[in-house]
Amino acid sequence: MSWIPFKIGQPKKQIVSKTVERDFEREYEKLQKLEDQTKKLHKDMKKSTEADLAMSKAAVKISADLLSNPLCEQDQAFLDSMTALDTAMKRMDSFNQEKVNQIQKTVIDPLKKYSGVFPSLNMAVKRREQALQDYKRLQAKVEKYEEKEKTGPIMVKLHQAREELRPVKEDFEVKNKQLLDEMPKFYHSRIDYFQPSFEALIRAQVVYFTEMYNIFSELTDQIDQAGLTDEQRERETEAKLSELRALSIVADD
């Protein structure tokens, strides 16, 4: 959305002060930014949970592929390690699904519901703008007759124009006051609305990563029998690879 002030003819009488218009535009612009940010956050949260699920599903697939590796048929130690890994990945996936479900209910759904309020707000602003245009048009009409010579027919038309203007003016003033009163309240309510959601998000993440720490600590105890460092494992792997490269079946022609 973008704020575009409506402009028609310029009546001599300033029916809405510049201060009021500035206040209105400032408050509405804040709500426009809030709407954009809410929609973006909703989109990013959905992408984040989708990526989380894809990650844990991929990890389960990898562990299943490793478990079906031919090495498991002839190496009991490797089979035991891969079985432990497969169990850990399935547990991780299960806890991840619980976390995503919790985030969906406590963060993503509330964001969507909050975004659903803005169309009504924007419609109220459009109705206010339409009322303002009607007010300006009829005010200009009254001023036109006020400038003319005060003959009988002109006075009749002036009276009719003023009668036509009165309810339109009142309608605009009601709509304008309501929005000026309620837009700041709506904007400030965002903190109370979203704070429980973000607290729930933090709790869900804390629970999940605590469980992940426990799962991978247990996994490390099960498979890290040799107690080698990453550097030692890297050197060991390079040594094994060098042995493979020395085989005649993989030698360069």
C-alpha atoms as a PDB file:
ATOM      1  CA  MET A   1       0.000   0.000   0.000  1.00  0.00           C
ATOM      2  CA  SER A   2       1.037   3.629  -0.424  1.00  0.00           C
ATOM      3  CA  TRP A   3      -0.528   6.763   0.975  1.00  0.00           C
ATOM      4  CA  ILE A   4      -1.779   9.085  -1.771  1.00  0.00           C
ATOM      5  CA  PRO A   5      -3.734  12.106  -0.541  1.00  0.00           C
ATOM      6  CA  PHE A   6      -6.887  12.709  -2.542  1.00  0.00           C
ATOM      7  CA  LYS A   7      -7.069  16.128  -4.170  1.00  0.00           C
ATOM      8  CA  ILE A   8      -9.863  17.873  -5.992  1.00  0.00           C
ATOM      9  CA  GLY A   9     -10.612  21.568  -6.324  1.00  0.00           C
ATOM     10  CA  GLN A  10      -9.248  23.810  -3.608  1.00  0.00           C
ATOM     11  CA  PRO A  11     -12.132  25.441  -1.691  1.00  0.00           C
ATOM     12  CA  LYS A  12     -11.318  28.764  -0.119  1.00  0.00           C
ATOM     13  CA  LYS A  13     -12.199  27.431   3.329  1.00  0.00           C
ATOM     14  CA  GLN A  14      -9.684  24.972   4.826  1.00  0.00           C
ATOM     15  CA  ILE A  15     -12.108  22.250   5.913  1.00  0.00           C
ATOM     16  CA  VAL A  16      -9.417  19.957   7.340  1.00  0.00           C
ATOM     17  CA  SER A  17      -6.392  21.494   9.020  1.00  0.00           C
ATOM     18  CA  LYS A  18      -2.932  20.577   7.820  1.00  0.00           C
ATOM     19  CA  THR A  19      -2.129  19.363  11.312  1.00  0.00           C
ATOM     20  CA  VAL A  20      -5.027  16.910  11.270  1.00  0.00           C
ATOM     21  CA  GLU A  21      -4.029  15.650   7.836  1.00  0.00           C
ATOM     22  CA  ARG A  22      -0.421  15.218   8.922  1.00  0.00           C
ATOM     23  CA  ASP A  23      -1.493  13.334  12.037  1.00  0.00           C
ATOM     24  CA  PHE A  24      -3.752  11.108   9.989  1.00  0.00           C
ATOM     25  CA  GLU A  25      -1.100  10.355   7.378  1.00  0.00           C
ATOM     26  CA  ARG A  26       1.517   9.666  10.052  1.00  0.00           C
ATOM     27  CA  GLU A  27      -0.684   7.185  11.916  1.00  0.00           C
ATOM     28  CA  TYR A  28      -1.825   5.473   8.746  1.00  0.00           C
ATOM     29  CA  GLU A  29       1.728   5.175   7.432  1.00  0.00           C
ATOM     30  CA  LYS A  30       2.739   3.432  10.661  1.00  0.00           C
ATOM     31  CA  LEU A  31      -0.060   0.916  10.163  1.00  0.00           C
ATOM     32  CA  GLN A  32       0.929   0.373   6.536  1.00  0.00           C
ATOM     33  CA  LYS A  33       4.463  -0.494   7.637  1.00  0.00           C
ATOM     34  CA  LEU A  34       3.089  -2.747  10.363  1.00  0.00           C
ATOM     35  CA  GLU A  35       0.964  -4.584   7.796  1.00  0.00           C
ATOM     36  CA  ASP A  36       3.923  -5.084   5.458  1.00  0.00           C
ATOM     37  CA  GLN A  37       6.165  -6.278   8.284  1.00  0.00           C
ATOM     38  CA  THR A  38       3.514  -8.660   9.618  1.00  0.00           C
ATOM     39  CA  LYS A  39       3.034 -10.222   6.191  1.00  0.00           C
ATOM     40  CA  LYS A  40       6.793 -10.552   5.720  1.00  0.00           C
ATOM     41  CA  LEU A  41       7.230 -12.130   9.150  1.00  0.00           C
ATOM     42  CA  HIS A  42       4.409 -14.582   8.446  1.00  0.00           C
ATOM     43  CA  LYS A  43       6.037 -15.560   5.157  1.00  0.00           C
ATOM     44  CA  ASP A  44       9.495 -15.923   6.710  1.00  0.00           C
ATOM     45  CA  MET A  45       8.178 -18.026   9.601  1.00  0.00           C
ATOM     46  CA  LYS A  46       6.478 -20.395   7.163  1.00  0.00           C
ATOM     47  CA  LYS A  47       9.672 -20.690   5.123  1.00  0.00           C
ATOM     48  CA  SER A  48      11.663 -21.338   8.295  1.00  0.00           C
ATOM     49  CA  THR A  49       9.437 -24.170   9.513  1.00  0.00           C
ATOM     50  CA  GLU A  50       9.299 -25.700   6.042  1.00  0.00           C
ATOM     51  CA  ALA A  51      13.114 -25.644   5.923  1.00  0.00           C
ATOM     52  CA  ASP A  52      13.274 -27.197   9.408  1.00  0.00           C
ATOM     53  CA  LEU A  53      11.043 -30.069   8.339  1.00  0.00           C
ATOM     54  CA  ALA A  54      12.971 -30.580   5.115  1.00  0.00           C
ATOM     55  CA  MET A  55      16.228 -30.694   7.074  1.00  0.00           C
ATOM     56  CA  SER A  56      15.089 -33.360   9.533  1.00  0.00           C
ATOM     57  CA  LYS A  57      13.431 -35.435   6.786  1.00  0.00           C
ATOM     58  CA  ALA A  58      16.669 -35.302   4.781  1.00  0.00           C
ATOM     59  CA  ALA A  59      18.646 -36.399   7.854  1.00  0.00           C
ATOM     60  CA  VAL A  60      16.330 -39.387   8.323  1.00  0.00           C
ATOM     61  CA  LYS A  61      16.753 -40.271   4.634  1.00  0.00           C
ATOM     62  CA  ILE A  62      20.549 -40.087   4.921  1.00  0.00           C
ATOM     63  CA  SER A  63      20.626 -42.334   7.992  1.00  0.00           C
ATOM     64  CA  ALA A  64      18.327 -44.839   6.264  1.00  0.00           C
ATOM     65  CA  ASP A  65      20.601 -44.859   3.205  1.00  0.00           C
ATOM     66  CA  LEU A  66      23.634 -45.430   5.404  1.00  0.00           C
ATOM     67  CA  LEU A  67      21.844 -48.226   7.241  1.00  0.00           C
ATOM     68  CA  SER A  68      21.184 -49.989   3.944  1.00  0.00           C
ATOM     69  CA  ASN A  69      24.830 -49.640   2.861  1.00  0.00           C
ATOM     70  CA  PRO A  70      26.471 -52.979   1.996  1.00  0.00           C
ATOM     71  CA  LEU A  71      29.082 -52.334   4.684  1.00  0.00           C
ATOM     72  CA  CYS A  72      26.449 -53.085   7.310  1.00  0.00           C
ATOM     73  CA  GLU A  73      26.214 -56.631   5.993  1.00  0.00           C
ATOM     74  CA  GLN A  74      29.804 -57.446   6.929  1.00  0.00           C
ATOM     75  CA  ASP A  75      30.748 -55.045   9.723  1.00  0.00           C
ATOM     76  CA  GLN A  76      28.793 -55.339  12.956  1.00  0.00           C
ATOM     77  CA  ALA A  77      30.407 -52.224  14.451  1.00  0.00           C
ATOM     78  CA  PHE A  78      29.376 -50.149  11.446  1.00  0.00           C
ATOM     79  CA  LEU A  79      25.872 -51.619  11.612  1.00  0.00           C
ATOM     80  CA  ASP A  80      25.608 -50.704  15.298  1.00  0.00           C
ATOM     81  CA  SER A  81      26.780 -47.141  14.612  1.00  0.00           C
ATOM     82  CA  MET A  82      24.356 -46.659  11.728  1.00  0.00           C
ATOM     83  CA  THR A  83      21.504 -48.121  13.737  1.00  0.00           C
ATOM     84  CA  ALA A  84      22.236 -45.643  16.533  1.00  0.00           C
ATOM     85  CA  LEU A  85      22.401 -42.805  14.004  1.00  0.00           C
ATOM     86  CA  ASP A  86      19.118 -43.855  12.399  1.00  0.00           C
ATOM     87  CA  THR A  87      17.391 -43.963  15.779  1.00  0.00           C
ATOM     88  CA  ALA A  88      18.768 -40.522  16.680  1.00  0.00           C
ATOM     89  CA  MET A  89      17.645 -38.990  13.371  1.00  0.00           C
ATOM     90  CA  LYS A  90      14.129 -40.365  13.788  1.00  0.00           C
ATOM     91  CA  ARG A  91      13.960 -38.946  17.304  1.00  0.00           C
ATOM     92  CA  MET A  92      15.211 -35.601  15.999  1.00  0.00           C
ATOM     93  CA  ASP A  93      12.570 -35.609  13.269  1.00  0.00           C
ATOM     94  CA  SER A  94       9.847 -36.383  15.791  1.00  0.00           C
ATOM     95  CA  PHE A  95      10.858 -33.543  18.132  1.00  0.00           C
ATOM     96  CA  ASN A  96      11.241 -31.213  15.148  1.00  0.00           C
ATOM     97  CA  GLN A  97       7.699 -31.990  14.027  1.00  0.00           C
ATOM     98  CA  GLU A  98       6.423 -31.198  17.528  1.00  0.00           C
ATOM     99  CA  LYS A  99       8.333 -27.905  17.492  1.00  0.00           C
ATOM    100  CA  VAL A 100       6.939 -26.926  14.075  1.00  0.00           C
ATOM    101  CA  ASN A 101       3.390 -27.803  15.143  1.00  0.00           C
ATOM    102  CA  GLN A 102       3.788 -25.644  18.244  1.00  0.00           C
ATOM    103  CA  ILE A 103       5.158 -22.712  16.217  1.00  0.00           C
ATOM    104  CA  GLN A 104       2.314 -23.086  13.728  1.00  0.00           C
ATOM    105  CA  LYS A 105      -0.303 -22.749  16.483  1.00  0.00           C
ATOM    106  CA  THR A 106       1.362 -20.071  18.586  1.00  0.00           C
ATOM    107  CA  VAL A 107       3.136 -17.897  15.997  1.00  0.00           C
ATOM    108  CA  ILE A 108       2.193 -18.527  12.368  1.00  0.00           C
ATOM    109  CA  ASP A 109      -1.580 -18.770  12.857  1.00  0.00           C
ATOM    110  CA  PRO A 110      -1.736 -15.624  15.055  1.00  0.00           C
ATOM    111  CA  LEU A 111       0.311 -13.730  12.448  1.00  0.00           C
ATOM    112  CA  LYS A 112      -2.152 -14.756   9.748  1.00  0.00           C
ATOM    113  CA  LYS A 113      -5.135 -13.719  11.864  1.00  0.00           C
ATOM    114  CA  TYR A 114      -3.510 -10.358  12.639  1.00  0.00           C
ATOM    115  CA  SER A 115      -2.890  -9.724   8.945  1.00  0.00           C
ATOM    116  CA  GLY A 116      -6.571 -10.432   8.316  1.00  0.00           C
ATOM    117  CA  VAL A 117      -7.557  -7.306  10.234  1.00  0.00           C
ATOM    118  CA  PHE A 118      -5.856  -4.859   7.864  1.00  0.00           C
ATOM    119  CA  PRO A 119      -8.294  -5.124   4.919  1.00  0.00           C
ATOM    120  CA  SER A 120     -11.087  -3.799   7.170  1.00  0.00           C
ATOM    121  CA  LEU A 121      -8.845  -0.991   8.359  1.00  0.00           C
ATOM    122  CA  ASN A 122      -7.901  -0.041   4.810  1.00  0.00           C
ATOM    123  CA  MET A 123     -11.559  -0.065   3.820  1.00  0.00           C
ATOM    124  CA  ALA A 124     -12.360   2.317   6.701  1.00  0.00           C
ATOM    125  CA  VAL A 125      -9.630   4.650   5.433  1.00  0.00           C
ATOM    126  CA  LYS A 126     -11.087   4.546   1.919  1.00  0.00           C
ATOM    127  CA  ARG A 127     -14.539   5.396   3.294  1.00  0.00           C
ATOM    128  CA  ARG A 128     -13.040   8.308   5.193  1.00  0.00           C
ATOM    129  CA  GLU A 129     -11.354   9.558   2.024  1.00  0.00           C
ATOM    130  CA  GLN A 130     -14.568   9.264   0.046  1.00  0.00           C
ATOM    131  CA  ALA A 131     -16.374  11.225   2.766  1.00  0.00           C
ATOM    132  CA  LEU A 132     -13.651  13.876   2.598  1.00  0.00           C
ATOM    133  CA  GLN A 133     -14.074  14.223  -1.168  1.00  0.00           C
ATOM    134  CA  ASP A 134     -17.839  14.578  -0.798  1.00  0.00           C
ATOM    135  CA  TYR A 135     -17.267  17.164   1.915  1.00  0.00           C
ATOM    136  CA  LYS A 136     -14.846  19.181  -0.263  1.00  0.00           C
ATOM    137  CA  ARG A 137     -17.138  19.003  -3.277  1.00  0.00           C
ATOM    138  CA  LEU A 138     -20.185  20.278  -1.385  1.00  0.00           C
ATOM    139  CA  GLN A 139     -18.151  22.888   0.499  1.00  0.00           C
ATOM    140  CA  ALA A 140     -16.946  24.242  -2.844  1.00  0.00           C
ATOM    141  CA  LYS A 141     -20.559  24.314  -4.030  1.00  0.00           C
ATOM    142  CA  VAL A 142     -21.621  26.343  -0.977  1.00  0.00           C
ATOM    143  CA  GLU A 143     -18.738  28.764  -1.450  1.00  0.00           C
ATOM    144  CA  LYS A 144     -19.672  29.243  -5.084  1.00  0.00           C
ATOM    145  CA  TYR A 145     -23.178  30.386  -4.138  1.00  0.00           C
ATOM    146  CA  GLU A 146     -21.850  32.534  -1.299  1.00  0.00           C
ATOM    147  CA  GLU A 147     -19.781  34.503  -3.827  1.00  0.00           C
ATOM    148  CA  LYS A 148     -22.752  35.191  -6.081  1.00  0.00           C
ATOM    149  CA  GLU A 149     -25.117  38.135  -5.828  1.00  0.00           C
ATOM    150  CA  LYS A 150     -27.645  37.410  -3.100  1.00  0.00           C
ATOM    151  CA  THR A 151     -30.758  37.164  -5.274  1.00  0.00           C
ATOM    152  CA  GLY A 152     -33.797  35.123  -4.257  1.00  0.00           C
ATOM    153  CA  PRO A 153     -32.969  32.076  -6.427  1.00  0.00           C
ATOM    154  CA  ILE A 154     -29.314  32.145  -5.332  1.00  0.00           C
ATOM    155  CA  MET A 155     -30.289  32.271  -1.653  1.00  0.00           C
ATOM    156  CA  VAL A 156     -32.552  29.260  -2.194  1.00  0.00           C
ATOM    157  CA  LYS A 157     -29.739  27.327  -3.838  1.00  0.00           C
ATOM    158  CA  LEU A 158     -27.321  28.389  -1.097  1.00  0.00           C
ATOM    159  CA  HIS A 159     -29.732  27.147   1.544  1.00  0.00           C
ATOM    160  CA  GLN A 160     -30.163  23.842  -0.297  1.00  0.00           C
ATOM    161  CA  ALA A 161     -26.369  23.437  -0.674  1.00  0.00           C
ATOM    162  CA  ARG A 162     -25.827  24.098   3.033  1.00  0.00           C
ATOM    163  CA  GLU A 163     -28.502  21.548   3.937  1.00  0.00           C
ATOM    164  CA  GLU A 164     -26.854  19.020   1.634  1.00  0.00           C
ATOM    165  CA  LEU A 165     -23.452  19.763   3.137  1.00  0.00           C
ATOM    166  CA  ARG A 166     -24.458  19.367   6.803  1.00  0.00           C
ATOM    167  CA  PRO A 167     -24.868  15.543   6.984  1.00  0.00           C
ATOM    168  CA  VAL A 168     -21.859  14.979   4.713  1.00  0.00           C
ATOM    169  CA  LYS A 169     -19.699  17.142   6.958  1.00  0.00           C
ATOM    170  CA  GLU A 170     -20.918  15.299  10.047  1.00  0.00           C
ATOM    171  CA  ASP A 171     -20.270  11.944   8.387  1.00  0.00           C
ATOM    172  CA  PHE A 172     -16.695  12.889   7.567  1.00  0.00           C
ATOM    173  CA  GLU A 173     -16.019  14.275  11.036  1.00  0.00           C
ATOM    174  CA  VAL A 174     -17.285  11.070  12.645  1.00  0.00           C
ATOM    175  CA  LYS A 175     -15.165   8.862  10.375  1.00  0.00           C
ATOM    176  CA  ASN A 176     -12.124  11.082  10.780  1.00  0.00           C
ATOM    177  CA  LYS A 177     -12.366  11.191  14.591  1.00  0.00           C
ATOM    178  CA  GLN A 178     -12.891   7.450  14.837  1.00  0.00           C
ATOM    179  CA  LEU A 179      -9.793   6.675  12.789  1.00  0.00           C
ATOM    180  CA  LEU A 180      -7.641   9.255  14.568  1.00  0.00           C
ATOM    181  CA  ASP A 181      -8.713   7.739  17.904  1.00  0.00           C
ATOM    182  CA  GLU A 182      -8.451   4.079  16.954  1.00  0.00           C
ATOM    183  CA  MET A 183      -5.409   3.871  14.653  1.00  0.00           C
ATOM    184  CA  PRO A 184      -2.908   4.694  17.453  1.00  0.00           C
ATOM    185  CA  LYS A 185      -4.675   2.213  19.755  1.00  0.00           C
ATOM    186  CA  PHE A 186      -4.466  -0.501  17.124  1.00  0.00           C
ATOM    187  CA  TYR A 187      -0.786   0.214  16.523  1.00  0.00           C
ATOM    188  CA  HIS A 188       0.137   0.141  20.219  1.00  0.00           C
ATOM    189  CA  SER A 189      -1.826  -3.095  20.762  1.00  0.00           C
ATOM    190  CA  ARG A 190       0.674  -5.002  18.612  1.00  0.00           C
ATOM    191  CA  ILE A 191       3.024  -5.559  21.552  1.00  0.00           C
ATOM    192  CA  ASP A 192       0.417  -7.168  23.784  1.00  0.00           C
ATOM    193  CA  TYR A 193      -0.787  -9.273  20.860  1.00  0.00           C
ATOM    194  CA  PHE A 194       2.568 -10.603  19.688  1.00  0.00           C
ATOM    195  CA  GLN A 195       4.474 -10.924  22.961  1.00  0.00           C
ATOM    196  CA  PRO A 196       2.862 -14.283  23.917  1.00  0.00           C
ATOM    197  CA  SER A 197       3.610 -15.614  20.423  1.00  0.00           C
ATOM    198  CA  PHE A 198       7.283 -14.730  20.542  1.00  0.00           C
ATOM    199  CA  GLU A 199       7.626 -16.075  24.076  1.00  0.00           C
ATOM    200  CA  ALA A 200       6.099 -19.336  22.827  1.00  0.00           C
ATOM    201  CA  LEU A 201       8.553 -19.347  19.905  1.00  0.00           C
ATOM    202  CA  ILE A 202      11.507 -19.014  22.275  1.00  0.00           C
ATOM    203  CA  ARG A 203      10.199 -21.777  24.544  1.00  0.00           C
ATOM    204  CA  ALA A 204       9.659 -24.109  21.580  1.00  0.00           C
ATOM    205  CA  GLN A 205      13.218 -23.514  20.398  1.00  0.00           C
ATOM    206  CA  VAL A 206      14.674 -24.018  23.882  1.00  0.00           C
ATOM    207  CA  VAL A 207      12.824 -27.315  24.357  1.00  0.00           C
ATOM    208  CA  TYR A 208      13.836 -28.528  20.906  1.00  0.00           C
ATOM    209  CA  PHE A 209      17.542 -27.714  21.200  1.00  0.00           C
ATOM    210  CA  THR A 210      17.680 -29.134  24.728  1.00  0.00           C
ATOM    211  CA  GLU A 211      16.338 -32.404  23.346  1.00  0.00           C
ATOM    212  CA  MET A 212      18.807 -32.223  20.454  1.00  0.00           C
ATOM    213  CA  TYR A 213      21.673 -31.832  22.911  1.00  0.00           C
ATOM    214  CA  ASN A 214      20.534 -34.927  24.786  1.00  0.00           C
ATOM    215  CA  ILE A 215      20.021 -36.958  21.612  1.00  0.00           C
ATOM    216  CA  PHE A 216      23.395 -36.145  20.097  1.00  0.00           C
ATOM    217  CA  SER A 217      25.208 -36.542  23.413  1.00  0.00           C
ATOM    218  CA  GLU A 218      23.809 -40.079  23.642  1.00  0.00           C
ATOM    219  CA  LEU A 219      24.717 -40.698  20.006  1.00  0.00           C
ATOM    220  CA  THR A 220      28.275 -39.530  20.562  1.00  0.00           C
ATOM    221  CA  ASP A 221      28.640 -41.918  23.512  1.00  0.00           C
ATOM    222  CA  GLN A 222      27.378 -44.785  21.334  1.00  0.00           C
ATOM    223  CA  ILE A 223      29.513 -44.307  18.246  1.00  0.00           C
ATOM    224  CA  ASP A 224      32.621 -42.461  19.458  1.00  0.00           C
ATOM    225  CA  GLN A 225      34.284 -45.477  21.013  1.00  0.00           C
ATOM    226  CA  ALA A 226      37.776 -44.591  19.788  1.00  0.00           C
ATOM    227  CA  GLY A 227      37.586 -41.088  21.207  1.00  0.00           C
ATOM    228  CA  LEU A 228      39.431 -39.590  18.224  1.00  0.00           C
ATOM    229  CA  THR A 229      39.490 -35.864  17.515  1.00  0.00           C
ATOM    230  CA  ASP A 230      38.171 -34.463  14.212  1.00  0.00           C
ATOM    231  CA  GLU A 231      41.750 -33.859  13.063  1.00  0.00           C
ATOM    232  CA  GLN A 232      42.723 -37.451  13.850  1.00  0.00           C
ATOM    233  CA  ARG A 233      39.694 -38.760  11.989  1.00  0.00           C
ATOM    234  CA  GLU A 234      40.563 -36.556   9.009  1.00  0.00           C
ATOM    235  CA  ARG A 235      44.120 -37.898   8.913  1.00  0.00           C
ATOM    236  CA  GLU A 236      42.841 -41.449   9.253  1.00  0.00           C
ATOM    237  CA  THR A 237      40.413 -40.931   6.358  1.00  0.00           C
ATOM    238  CA  GLU A 238      43.139 -39.408   4.172  1.00  0.00           C
ATOM    239  CA  ALA A 239      45.384 -42.387   4.931  1.00  0.00           C
ATOM    240  CA  LYS A 240      42.660 -44.825   3.920  1.00  0.00           C
ATOM    241  CA  LEU A 241      42.003 -42.818   0.753  1.00  0.00           C
ATOM    242  CA  SER A 242      45.710 -42.934  -0.121  1.00  0.00           C
ATOM    243  CA  GLU A 243      45.610 -46.710   0.214  1.00  0.00           C
ATOM    244  CA  LEU A 244      42.652 -46.873  -2.168  1.00  0.00           C
ATOM    245  CA  ARG A 245      44.373 -44.624  -4.694  1.00  0.00           C
ATOM    246  CA  ALA A 246      47.371 -46.957  -4.652  1.00  0.00           C
ATOM    247  CA  LEU A 247      45.259 -49.861  -5.908  1.00  0.00           C
ATOM    248  CA  SER A 248      45.912 -50.718  -9.551  1.00  0.00           C
ATOM    249  CA  ILE A 249      42.213 -50.643 -10.487  1.00  0.00           C
ATOM    250  CA  VAL A 250      42.026 -46.902  -9.795  1.00  0.00           C
ATOM    251  CA  ALA A 251      45.510 -45.985 -11.057  1.00  0.00           C
ATOM    252  CA  ASP A 252      45.728 -43.489 -13.944  1.00  0.00           C
ATOM    253  CA  ASP A 253      46.357 -44.975 -17.383  1.00  0.00           C
END
